[in-house]
Amino acid sequence: MRKLALMIYGPPGAGKGTQANLLAWRKNFIHFDTGKYLEQLVHDPNLKNDKVIRRERKLFDSGILMTPSFVLKVTSDKTKEIAKAGFNVIFSGSPRTLFEALGDTSADLRKLNADKRGNKQKGLIDILEELYGKKNIYPVFLKIDPTVSIQRNKNRLVCGVCANAVLYNDASHWHKTCPLCGAELRRRVVDNPKVFKTRIQEYQKRTFPILEGLKKRGYKIINIDGSPLPYKVHQQILKKLPI
């Protein structure tokens, strides 16, 4: 049975993590949620005095994307572990910059990033192609209206233990604790209005262009309407993917 790698893209609030979790639970994928992984890393009390971690934590908490070379190293190492263990992998919103995705193997980045010896840095896409094969990599884009994105992030709470996200609605507005594990729900630092505005700007400027880069590399982007209820979005994804 072939191994697959999926990348789900979309603006903040598009439901990337929700859809990745559904596929992980139902279709035997490992959901490598790089956002949560990096959030835990930069807020690890044992690393609070590390100079690099302090720098990256400041970026993360402000809504600015973290240093691409740092993120690429961390995510590449973890991805190799997942592939070596024989699992399918799914990313939600990652890689987040052209450098993380394509390294300096693209013409636009070679002159800027080649070192004095002329060495080139592989991006996560290069690594995924080596581990899974290009034909087994599928980029998915969740399309939603900006007003929906803003509303979802404005009303989102996250469990401090299991990281389950709970959105405000008629059925869940009263939740104070996680419906899965019972721990306290909290609002993420990156979901406050000021930081969210920065995240949207970062997404539009640095993440969205990755889709065009993938097209130039020969990938077909699978477009999905991300505005319906999660189970309906999930059904759309299943219809368009060979899983």
Protein backbone atom coordinates (compact mmCIF):
# COMPACT_ATOMS: atom_id res chain seq x y z
CA MET A 1 0.00 0.00 0.00
CA ARG A 2 1.47 3.36 -1.02
CA LYS A 3 2.22 6.08 1.49
CA LEU A 4 0.62 9.49 1.03
CA ALA A 5 1.48 13.04 2.07
CA LEU A 6 -1.22 15.73 2.15
CA MET A 7 -0.87 19.48 2.69
CA ILE A 8 -4.00 21.43 3.60
CA TYR A 9 -3.78 25.16 2.94
CA GLY A 10 -6.14 28.04 3.59
CA PRO A 11 -6.35 31.30 5.55
CA PRO A 12 -6.52 31.30 9.36
CA GLY A 13 -9.91 29.91 10.38
CA ALA A 14 -10.41 27.84 7.21
CA GLY A 15 -10.61 24.61 9.21
CA LYS A 16 -7.26 23.15 8.20
CA GLY A 17 -6.61 21.51 11.55
CA THR A 18 -10.15 20.16 11.83
CA GLN A 19 -9.96 18.51 8.41
CA ALA A 20 -6.47 17.16 9.08
CA ASN A 21 -7.70 15.61 12.34
CA LEU A 22 -10.68 13.99 10.60
CA LEU A 23 -8.42 12.44 7.98
CA ALA A 24 -5.97 11.31 10.65
CA TRP A 25 -8.72 9.61 12.66
CA ARG A 26 -10.51 8.01 9.71
CA LYS A 27 -7.80 7.34 7.14
CA ASN A 28 -4.68 6.37 9.09
CA PHE A 29 -2.69 9.58 8.72
CA ILE A 30 -0.34 11.19 11.19
CA HIS A 31 -1.41 14.82 11.54
CA PHE A 32 1.80 16.78 11.93
CA ASP A 33 0.34 20.03 13.23
CA THR A 34 3.46 22.14 12.92
CA GLY A 35 1.74 25.19 14.43
CA LYS A 36 0.95 23.40 17.68
CA TYR A 37 4.28 21.58 17.63
CA LEU A 38 6.19 24.85 17.33
CA GLU A 39 3.94 26.58 19.88
CA GLN A 40 4.77 23.89 22.43
CA LEU A 41 8.45 24.09 21.54
CA VAL A 42 8.82 27.85 21.95
CA HIS A 43 6.78 27.85 25.18
CA ASP A 44 8.62 24.90 26.73
CA PRO A 45 9.65 26.10 30.24
CA ASN A 46 12.87 24.10 29.97
CA LEU A 47 13.92 26.17 26.95
CA LYS A 48 12.84 29.60 28.17
CA ASN A 49 16.44 30.85 28.42
CA ASP A 50 17.56 29.53 25.03
CA LYS A 51 18.48 32.51 22.82
CA VAL A 52 17.06 31.00 19.61
CA ILE A 53 13.85 29.88 21.31
CA ARG A 54 13.35 33.33 22.84
CA ARG A 55 13.70 34.88 19.39
CA GLU A 56 11.24 32.46 17.83
CA ARG A 57 8.75 32.79 20.71
CA LYS A 58 8.64 36.56 20.22
CA LEU A 59 7.85 36.08 16.53
CA PHE A 60 5.23 33.40 17.20
CA ASP A 61 3.37 35.40 19.85
CA SER A 62 3.26 38.48 17.61
CA GLY A 63 1.68 36.60 14.70
CA ILE A 64 4.75 36.95 12.48
CA LEU A 65 5.91 33.74 10.82
CA MET A 66 8.94 32.21 12.50
CA THR A 67 12.41 32.10 10.94
CA PRO A 68 12.05 29.83 7.87
CA SER A 69 15.42 28.08 8.29
CA PHE A 70 14.59 27.24 11.93
CA VAL A 71 11.13 25.93 11.03
CA LEU A 72 12.44 23.93 8.06
CA LYS A 73 15.03 22.16 10.22
CA VAL A 74 12.50 21.27 12.93
CA THR A 75 9.76 20.12 10.54
CA SER A 76 12.10 18.21 8.23
CA ASP A 77 13.53 16.16 11.09
CA LYS A 78 10.07 15.27 12.39
CA THR A 79 8.76 14.45 8.90
CA LYS A 80 11.62 12.02 8.32
CA GLU A 81 10.75 10.26 11.59
CA ILE A 82 7.11 9.88 10.51
CA ALA A 83 8.03 8.54 7.07
CA LYS A 84 10.63 6.16 8.49
CA ALA A 85 7.94 4.70 10.76
CA GLY A 86 5.84 3.96 7.66
CA PHE A 87 2.98 6.41 8.23
CA ASN A 88 0.99 8.63 5.90
CA VAL A 89 1.41 12.28 6.89
CA ILE A 90 -0.84 15.31 6.69
CA PHE A 91 0.15 18.94 7.26
CA SER A 92 -2.29 21.73 8.15
CA GLY A 93 -1.05 25.05 6.82
CA SER A 94 2.56 23.98 6.47
CA PRO A 95 5.08 24.64 5.00
CA ARG A 96 4.31 28.33 5.48
CA THR A 97 6.94 30.13 3.39
CA LEU A 98 8.48 29.61 -0.03
CA PHE A 99 11.82 28.81 1.59
CA GLU A 100 10.28 26.19 3.88
CA ALA A 101 8.42 24.66 0.93
CA LEU A 102 11.00 24.84 -1.85
CA GLY A 103 14.23 25.79 -0.12
CA ASP A 104 16.44 27.62 -2.57
CA THR A 105 15.86 25.07 -5.31
CA SER A 106 13.56 27.54 -7.07
CA ALA A 107 15.13 30.04 -9.46
CA ASP A 108 13.85 33.01 -7.46
CA LEU A 109 15.69 31.91 -4.33
CA ARG A 110 18.96 30.44 -5.60
CA LYS A 111 20.84 33.72 -5.92
CA LEU A 112 19.66 34.89 -2.52
CA ASN A 113 20.34 31.76 -0.51
CA ALA A 114 23.22 29.85 -2.12
CA ASP A 115 26.18 29.82 0.24
CA LYS A 116 29.77 30.56 -0.77
CA ARG A 117 30.31 26.93 -1.80
CA GLY A 118 27.22 27.03 -4.00
CA ASN A 119 25.27 24.52 -1.90
CA LYS A 120 21.48 24.57 -2.16
CA GLN A 121 19.04 24.07 0.72
CA LYS A 122 16.29 21.52 0.06
CA GLY A 123 12.76 22.51 1.01
CA LEU A 124 10.16 20.31 2.66
CA ILE A 125 8.62 19.51 -0.74
CA ASP A 126 11.97 18.11 -1.92
CA ILE A 127 12.17 15.97 1.20
CA LEU A 128 8.58 14.75 0.83
CA GLU A 129 9.23 13.81 -2.80
CA GLU A 130 12.22 11.74 -1.70
CA LEU A 131 10.27 10.06 1.11
CA TYR A 132 6.84 9.60 -0.50
CA GLY A 133 7.25 10.19 -4.25
CA LYS A 134 5.84 13.19 -6.11
CA LYS A 135 2.76 11.30 -7.36
CA ASN A 136 1.76 10.61 -3.75
CA ILE A 137 1.77 14.25 -2.59
CA TYR A 138 -1.52 16.18 -2.68
CA PRO A 139 -1.94 19.92 -1.93
CA VAL A 140 -5.48 20.89 -0.81
CA PHE A 141 -6.73 24.47 -0.59
CA LEU A 142 -9.73 25.37 1.61
CA LYS A 143 -11.47 28.48 0.26
CA ILE A 144 -13.47 30.65 2.68
CA ASP A 145 -14.72 34.22 2.73
CA PRO A 146 -12.52 36.58 4.81
CA THR A 147 -15.49 37.48 7.04
CA VAL A 148 -15.92 33.80 7.93
CA SER A 149 -12.23 33.55 8.74
CA ILE A 150 -12.43 36.53 11.09
CA GLN A 151 -15.58 35.27 12.82
CA ARG A 152 -14.18 31.78 13.40
CA ASN A 153 -10.93 33.00 14.93
CA LYS A 154 -12.70 35.62 17.03
CA ASN A 155 -14.81 32.95 18.71
CA ARG A 156 -12.38 30.04 18.91
CA LEU A 157 -11.27 28.48 22.19
CA VAL A 158 -8.64 25.76 22.49
CA CYS A 159 -8.14 23.07 25.12
CA GLY A 160 -4.96 23.60 27.09
CA VAL A 161 -4.35 19.85 27.35
CA CYS A 162 -5.48 18.03 24.18
CA ALA A 163 -5.51 21.14 21.91
CA ASN A 164 -9.07 20.45 20.72
CA ALA A 165 -10.56 23.60 19.14
CA VAL A 166 -14.12 24.63 20.06
CA LEU A 167 -15.95 27.29 18.05
CA TYR A 168 -18.73 29.44 19.47
CA ASN A 169 -22.21 28.50 18.24
CA ASP A 170 -25.69 27.93 19.65
CA ALA A 171 -24.69 24.50 20.93
CA SER A 172 -21.20 25.22 22.25
CA HIS A 173 -21.24 28.83 23.47
CA TRP A 174 -21.60 27.74 27.06
CA HIS A 175 -18.53 25.50 27.07
CA LYS A 176 -15.96 26.41 29.71
CA THR A 177 -14.18 23.07 29.59
CA CYS A 178 -13.13 20.79 26.76
CA PRO A 179 -15.91 18.39 25.66
CA LEU A 180 -13.27 15.72 24.94
CA CYS A 181 -11.02 15.68 28.00
CA GLY A 182 -12.61 18.12 30.47
CA ALA A 183 -9.64 20.50 30.73
CA GLU A 184 -10.05 24.28 30.73
CA LEU A 185 -10.56 26.00 27.39
CA ARG A 186 -8.42 29.04 26.60
CA ARG A 187 -7.99 31.60 23.87
CA ARG A 188 -4.73 31.29 21.98
CA VAL A 189 -2.39 34.28 22.02
CA VAL A 190 -2.37 34.28 18.21
CA ASP A 191 -6.18 34.56 18.04
CA ASN A 192 -6.51 38.01 19.59
CA PRO A 193 -7.67 40.62 17.01
CA LYS A 194 -4.38 42.50 16.71
CA VAL A 195 -2.27 39.38 16.25
CA PHE A 196 -4.87 37.82 13.95
CA LYS A 197 -4.62 40.82 11.61
CA THR A 198 -0.88 40.24 11.42
CA ARG A 199 -1.42 36.52 10.75
CA ILE A 200 -3.73 37.30 7.83
CA GLN A 201 -1.15 39.68 6.35
CA GLU A 202 1.60 37.09 6.81
CA TYR A 203 -0.54 34.41 5.17
CA GLN A 204 -1.35 36.56 2.14
CA LYS A 205 2.22 37.77 1.68
CA ARG A 206 4.26 34.67 2.54
CA THR A 207 2.08 31.54 2.50
CA PHE A 208 -0.45 31.96 -0.31
CA PRO A 209 2.32 32.32 -2.97
CA ILE A 210 3.36 28.73 -2.21
CA LEU A 211 0.34 27.49 -4.15
CA GLU A 212 1.64 29.16 -7.31
CA GLY A 213 5.07 27.70 -6.64
CA LEU A 214 3.57 24.23 -6.38
CA LYS A 215 1.68 24.73 -9.65
CA LYS A 216 4.93 25.68 -11.40
CA ARG A 217 6.45 22.51 -10.00
CA GLY A 218 3.71 20.43 -11.63
CA TYR A 219 1.27 19.97 -8.76
CA LYS A 220 -2.49 20.25 -9.20
CA ILE A 221 -4.12 22.17 -6.36
CA ILE A 222 -7.30 20.50 -5.07
CA ASN A 223 -9.74 23.34 -4.32
CA ILE A 224 -12.38 22.75 -1.64
CA ASP A 225 -15.12 25.05 -0.31
CA GLY A 226 -14.23 25.38 3.36
CA SER A 227 -17.34 27.31 4.46
CA PRO A 228 -19.84 24.42 5.05
CA LEU A 229 -20.01 22.34 8.23
CA PRO A 230 -16.82 20.31 8.84
CA TYR A 231 -18.35 16.93 7.94
CA LYS A 232 -19.49 18.31 4.58
CA VAL A 233 -16.03 19.69 3.86
CA HIS A 234 -14.60 16.31 4.83
CA GLN A 235 -16.90 14.59 2.34
CA GLN A 236 -15.72 16.93 -0.42
CA ILE A 237 -12.09 16.09 0.34
CA LEU A 238 -12.74 12.34 0.30
CA LYS A 239 -14.37 12.61 -3.12
CA LYS A 240 -11.34 14.36 -4.61
CA LEU A 241 -8.52 12.38 -3.02
CA PRO A 242 -7.47 8.75 -3.71
CA ILE A 243 -7.87 7.67 -0.10
